[in-house]
Structures are given as C-alpha cells and as structure tokens.
Amino acid sequence: MEERGHDDLAERGLRYTREHFDEILSQTETYVRENPAQSLAYAVLAGFVLNRLGIGRILRGVVRLALFALKPAILIYGAAKLYEAAQEEE
C-alpha cells in the first residue's frame, strides 16, 4: 500500500511538470510569433555564448552519458517490476 502512495506522488509530480512545461512552451511560442527578429537574435546570441563557453560540449557529453546509461536503467527498472509482480503473486 505504501508503494502505491509513492506511485501516486510520482504521477502527480509528472502531471504537474507536464502542465507547466506546456504553459512555458505556449508562452515562448507566443513571444516568438510576436517578436520573430528579436527571438532570432536571442537564439543566435545564446548559441554563440554556449559555443564560446564550451557548454555545448559539456551538454553533448551529458546527453551521450544519459543515453549510454538509459539501457541499463531500463533493464533494472524492468527487473524491479518483475520482482514486484512476483512478490504480489505470492
């Protein structure tokens, strides 16, 4: 029963995040439609700064690491769910 509470909490957190992400995305889209030239200038400036700071390389490395770790994480998650299902059957 306690695990169910954690699942509900995780689902609520995910739902909350999705709702706010959609809101931020909508506001950003509206701003870009109203100010296309200024938005493009900001994007170019941000790209230039990220390129100069080397953050782009850091972010690429983090993404590669996350993708590399994703397969074992999915395997572990699946094994944990199988174990839980086996425990519930007993």
N, C-alpha and C. Protein backbone atom coordinates (compact mmCIF):
# COMPACT_ATOMS: atom_id res chain seq x y z
N MET A 1 0.82 -1.18 0.00
CA MET A 1 0.00 0.00 0.00
C MET A 1 0.87 1.26 0.00
N GLU A 2 1.99 1.21 0.71
CA GLU A 2 2.89 2.35 0.78
C GLU A 2 3.48 2.68 -0.59
N GLU A 3 3.80 1.65 -1.38
CA GLU A 3 4.36 1.87 -2.71
C GLU A 3 3.36 2.58 -3.60
N ARG A 4 2.10 2.30 -3.40
CA ARG A 4 1.05 2.93 -4.21
C ARG A 4 1.05 4.43 -3.97
N GLY A 5 1.27 4.85 -2.73
CA GLY A 5 1.35 6.27 -2.41
C GLY A 5 2.50 6.94 -3.14
N HIS A 6 3.63 6.23 -3.24
CA HIS A 6 4.78 6.79 -3.96
C HIS A 6 4.47 6.89 -5.44
N ASP A 7 3.77 5.88 -5.99
CA ASP A 7 3.40 5.94 -7.40
C ASP A 7 2.48 7.13 -7.66
N ASP A 8 1.52 7.36 -6.78
CA ASP A 8 0.60 8.48 -6.95
C ASP A 8 1.36 9.81 -6.87
N LEU A 9 2.29 9.90 -5.95
CA LEU A 9 3.09 11.11 -5.81
C LEU A 9 3.92 11.35 -7.07
N ALA A 10 4.51 10.30 -7.60
CA ALA A 10 5.31 10.43 -8.82
C ALA A 10 4.43 10.83 -10.00
N GLU A 11 3.26 10.23 -10.10
CA GLU A 11 2.35 10.57 -11.19
C GLU A 11 1.88 12.01 -11.09
N ARG A 12 1.58 12.46 -9.88
CA ARG A 12 1.15 13.85 -9.69
C ARG A 12 2.28 14.81 -10.04
N GLY A 13 3.50 14.48 -9.63
CA GLY A 13 4.64 15.33 -9.96
C GLY A 13 4.88 15.41 -11.46
N LEU A 14 4.75 14.28 -12.14
CA LEU A 14 4.92 14.25 -13.59
C LEU A 14 3.83 15.07 -14.26
N ARG A 15 2.61 14.93 -13.81
CA ARG A 15 1.49 15.68 -14.38
C ARG A 15 1.70 17.19 -14.17
N TYR A 16 2.12 17.58 -12.97
CA TYR A 16 2.39 18.99 -12.66
C TYR A 16 3.47 19.55 -13.58
N THR A 17 4.53 18.78 -13.77
CA THR A 17 5.64 19.20 -14.62
C THR A 17 5.17 19.36 -16.06
N ARG A 18 4.41 18.40 -16.55
CA ARG A 18 3.90 18.48 -17.92
C ARG A 18 3.02 19.72 -18.12
N GLU A 19 2.15 19.97 -17.15
CA GLU A 19 1.26 21.13 -17.27
C GLU A 19 2.05 22.43 -17.34
N HIS A 20 3.04 22.58 -16.50
CA HIS A 20 3.82 23.81 -16.51
C HIS A 20 4.73 23.89 -17.72
N PHE A 21 5.25 22.77 -18.17
CA PHE A 21 6.10 22.77 -19.36
C PHE A 21 5.28 23.22 -20.56
N ASP A 22 4.07 22.71 -20.70
CA ASP A 22 3.20 23.11 -21.80
C ASP A 22 2.88 24.60 -21.73
N GLU A 23 2.69 25.12 -20.52
CA GLU A 23 2.40 26.54 -20.34
C GLU A 23 3.60 27.39 -20.76
N ILE A 24 4.78 27.01 -20.33
CA ILE A 24 6.00 27.75 -20.68
C ILE A 24 6.24 27.68 -22.19
N LEU A 25 6.04 26.50 -22.76
CA LEU A 25 6.22 26.33 -24.19
C LEU A 25 5.23 27.21 -24.96
N SER A 26 4.01 27.28 -24.49
CA SER A 26 2.99 28.11 -25.13
C SER A 26 3.37 29.59 -25.05
N GLN A 27 3.83 30.04 -23.89
CA GLN A 27 4.24 31.44 -23.73
C GLN A 27 5.43 31.77 -24.63
N THR A 28 6.37 30.84 -24.72
CA THR A 28 7.54 31.04 -25.57
C THR A 28 7.13 31.13 -27.02
N GLU A 29 6.24 30.24 -27.44
CA GLU A 29 5.76 30.26 -28.82
C GLU A 29 5.06 31.58 -29.14
N THR A 30 4.25 32.06 -28.22
CA THR A 30 3.57 33.34 -28.42
C THR A 30 4.57 34.48 -28.55
N TYR A 31 5.58 34.50 -27.69
CA TYR A 31 6.59 35.55 -27.74
C TYR A 31 7.34 35.51 -29.07
N VAL A 32 7.71 34.31 -29.52
CA VAL A 32 8.47 34.19 -30.77
C VAL A 32 7.61 34.65 -31.95
N ARG A 33 6.33 34.31 -31.94
CA ARG A 33 5.45 34.75 -33.03
C ARG A 33 5.29 36.27 -33.05
N GLU A 34 5.26 36.89 -31.88
CA GLU A 34 5.09 38.34 -31.80
C GLU A 34 6.38 39.10 -32.07
N ASN A 35 7.53 38.49 -31.77
CA ASN A 35 8.84 39.15 -31.92
C ASN A 35 9.83 38.23 -32.64
N PRO A 36 9.61 37.92 -33.91
CA PRO A 36 10.48 36.94 -34.58
C PRO A 36 11.93 37.39 -34.74
N ALA A 37 12.15 38.65 -35.09
CA ALA A 37 13.52 39.12 -35.31
C ALA A 37 14.30 39.14 -33.99
N GLN A 38 13.67 39.64 -32.95
CA GLN A 38 14.33 39.70 -31.65
C GLN A 38 14.60 38.28 -31.12
N SER A 39 13.66 37.37 -31.33
CA SER A 39 13.83 35.98 -30.88
C SER A 39 14.99 35.32 -31.61
N LEU A 40 15.10 35.58 -32.90
CA LEU A 40 16.19 35.02 -33.69
C LEU A 40 17.53 35.57 -33.20
N ALA A 41 17.57 36.86 -32.91
CA ALA A 41 18.80 37.46 -32.40
C ALA A 41 19.20 36.84 -31.06
N TYR A 42 18.21 36.63 -30.18
CA TYR A 42 18.50 35.99 -28.89
C TYR A 42 19.03 34.57 -29.09
N ALA A 43 18.43 33.85 -30.02
CA ALA A 43 18.86 32.47 -30.27
C ALA A 43 20.29 32.42 -30.79
N VAL A 44 20.61 33.32 -31.72
CA VAL A 44 21.98 33.37 -32.26
C VAL A 44 22.96 33.75 -31.16
N LEU A 45 22.61 34.74 -30.36
CA LEU A 45 23.48 35.16 -29.26
C LEU A 45 23.69 34.03 -28.25
N ALA A 46 22.61 33.34 -27.90
CA ALA A 46 22.72 32.23 -26.95
C ALA A 46 23.60 31.12 -27.52
N GLY A 47 23.43 30.81 -28.81
CA GLY A 47 24.27 29.79 -29.45
C GLY A 47 25.73 30.18 -29.45
N PHE A 48 26.00 31.45 -29.74
CA PHE A 48 27.38 31.93 -29.74
C PHE A 48 28.00 31.83 -28.35
N VAL A 49 27.26 32.27 -27.34
CA VAL A 49 27.77 32.23 -25.97
C VAL A 49 28.01 30.78 -25.53
N LEU A 50 27.05 29.90 -25.80
CA LEU A 50 27.22 28.50 -25.42
C LEU A 50 28.41 27.87 -26.14
N ASN A 51 28.61 28.23 -27.38
CA ASN A 51 29.75 27.71 -28.13
C ASN A 51 31.06 28.20 -27.54
N ARG A 52 31.12 29.46 -27.17
CA ARG A 52 32.34 30.04 -26.61
C ARG A 52 32.64 29.50 -25.22
N LEU A 53 31.64 29.26 -24.44
CA LEU A 53 31.87 28.78 -23.08
C LEU A 53 32.19 27.29 -23.02
N GLY A 54 31.97 26.60 -24.11
CA GLY A 54 32.21 25.17 -24.11
C GLY A 54 31.07 24.38 -23.47
N ILE A 55 30.00 25.07 -23.15
CA ILE A 55 28.86 24.39 -22.54
C ILE A 55 28.24 23.41 -23.52
N GLY A 56 28.30 23.74 -24.79
CA GLY A 56 27.76 22.83 -25.81
C GLY A 56 28.42 21.47 -25.74
N ARG A 57 29.74 21.46 -25.58
CA ARG A 57 30.46 20.18 -25.46
C ARG A 57 30.07 19.45 -24.19
N ILE A 58 29.91 20.21 -23.12
CA ILE A 58 29.51 19.61 -21.85
C ILE A 58 28.12 19.00 -21.97
N LEU A 59 27.19 19.75 -22.58
CA LEU A 59 25.84 19.23 -22.75
C LEU A 59 25.81 18.01 -23.65
N ARG A 60 26.60 18.02 -24.72
CA ARG A 60 26.67 16.83 -25.60
C ARG A 60 27.19 15.64 -24.82
N GLY A 61 28.19 15.86 -23.98
CA GLY A 61 28.72 14.77 -23.16
C GLY A 61 27.68 14.23 -22.18
N VAL A 62 26.92 15.13 -21.58
CA VAL A 62 25.88 14.71 -20.64
C VAL A 62 24.81 13.91 -21.36
N VAL A 63 24.41 14.37 -22.55
CA VAL A 63 23.40 13.64 -23.32
C VAL A 63 23.92 12.26 -23.71
N ARG A 64 25.15 12.18 -24.16
CA ARG A 64 25.72 10.87 -24.51
C ARG A 64 25.76 9.95 -23.30
N LEU A 65 26.16 10.49 -22.16
CA LEU A 65 26.21 9.69 -20.94
C LEU A 65 24.81 9.22 -20.53
N ALA A 66 23.83 10.11 -20.65
CA ALA A 66 22.45 9.74 -20.30
C ALA A 66 21.94 8.64 -21.22
N LEU A 67 22.21 8.76 -22.52
CA LEU A 67 21.76 7.73 -23.45
C LEU A 67 22.48 6.41 -23.19
N PHE A 68 23.76 6.49 -22.83
CA PHE A 68 24.53 5.28 -22.52
C PHE A 68 23.97 4.59 -21.27
N ALA A 69 23.55 5.38 -20.29
CA ALA A 69 23.04 4.84 -19.03
C ALA A 69 21.57 4.44 -19.12
N LEU A 70 20.89 4.84 -20.17
CA LEU A 70 19.46 4.57 -20.29
C LEU A 70 19.15 3.08 -20.40
N LYS A 71 19.92 2.36 -21.20
CA LYS A 71 19.67 0.93 -21.39
C LYS A 71 19.76 0.14 -20.08
N PRO A 72 20.84 0.29 -19.30
CA PRO A 72 20.89 -0.43 -18.03
C PRO A 72 19.79 0.02 -17.07
N ALA A 73 19.44 1.30 -17.10
CA ALA A 73 18.39 1.79 -16.21
C ALA A 73 17.06 1.14 -16.55
N ILE A 74 16.76 1.02 -17.82
CA ILE A 74 15.51 0.36 -18.24
C ILE A 74 15.53 -1.10 -17.83
N LEU A 75 16.67 -1.75 -17.97
CA LEU A 75 16.79 -3.15 -17.58
C LEU A 75 16.56 -3.32 -16.08
N ILE A 76 17.15 -2.47 -15.29
CA ILE A 76 16.99 -2.54 -13.83
C ILE A 76 15.54 -2.25 -13.45
N TYR A 77 14.93 -1.27 -14.09
CA TYR A 77 13.53 -0.94 -13.81
C TYR A 77 12.62 -2.13 -14.14
N GLY A 78 12.86 -2.75 -15.28
CA GLY A 78 12.06 -3.92 -15.66
C GLY A 78 12.24 -5.06 -14.69
N ALA A 79 13.47 -5.31 -14.25
CA ALA A 79 13.73 -6.37 -13.29
C ALA A 79 13.03 -6.08 -11.96
N ALA A 80 13.04 -4.83 -11.54
CA ALA A 80 12.36 -4.46 -10.29
C ALA A 80 10.86 -4.67 -10.40
N LYS A 81 10.28 -4.34 -11.54
CA LYS A 81 8.84 -4.54 -11.75
C LYS A 81 8.50 -6.02 -11.78
N LEU A 82 9.35 -6.82 -12.39
CA LEU A 82 9.13 -8.29 -12.39
C LEU A 82 9.19 -8.84 -10.98
N TYR A 83 10.15 -8.34 -10.19
CA TYR A 83 10.28 -8.79 -8.82
C TYR A 83 9.04 -8.41 -8.02
N GLU A 84 8.55 -7.17 -8.21
CA GLU A 84 7.34 -6.73 -7.50
C GLU A 84 6.14 -7.59 -7.88
N ALA A 85 6.03 -7.91 -9.18
CA ALA A 85 4.91 -8.72 -9.64
C ALA A 85 4.98 -10.13 -9.04
N ALA A 86 6.20 -10.65 -8.96
CA ALA A 86 6.38 -11.98 -8.37
C ALA A 86 6.02 -11.97 -6.87
N GLN A 87 6.36 -10.89 -6.18
CA GLN A 87 6.06 -10.79 -4.75
C GLN A 87 4.55 -10.66 -4.53
N GLU A 88 3.87 -9.96 -5.41
CA GLU A 88 2.41 -9.80 -5.28
C GLU A 88 1.68 -11.11 -5.51
N GLU A 89 2.20 -11.96 -6.39
CA GLU A 89 1.56 -13.25 -6.68
C GLU A 89 1.65 -14.20 -5.50
N GLU A 90 2.70 -14.05 -4.70
CA GLU A 90 2.87 -14.95 -3.54
C GLU A 90 2.05 -14.54 -2.42
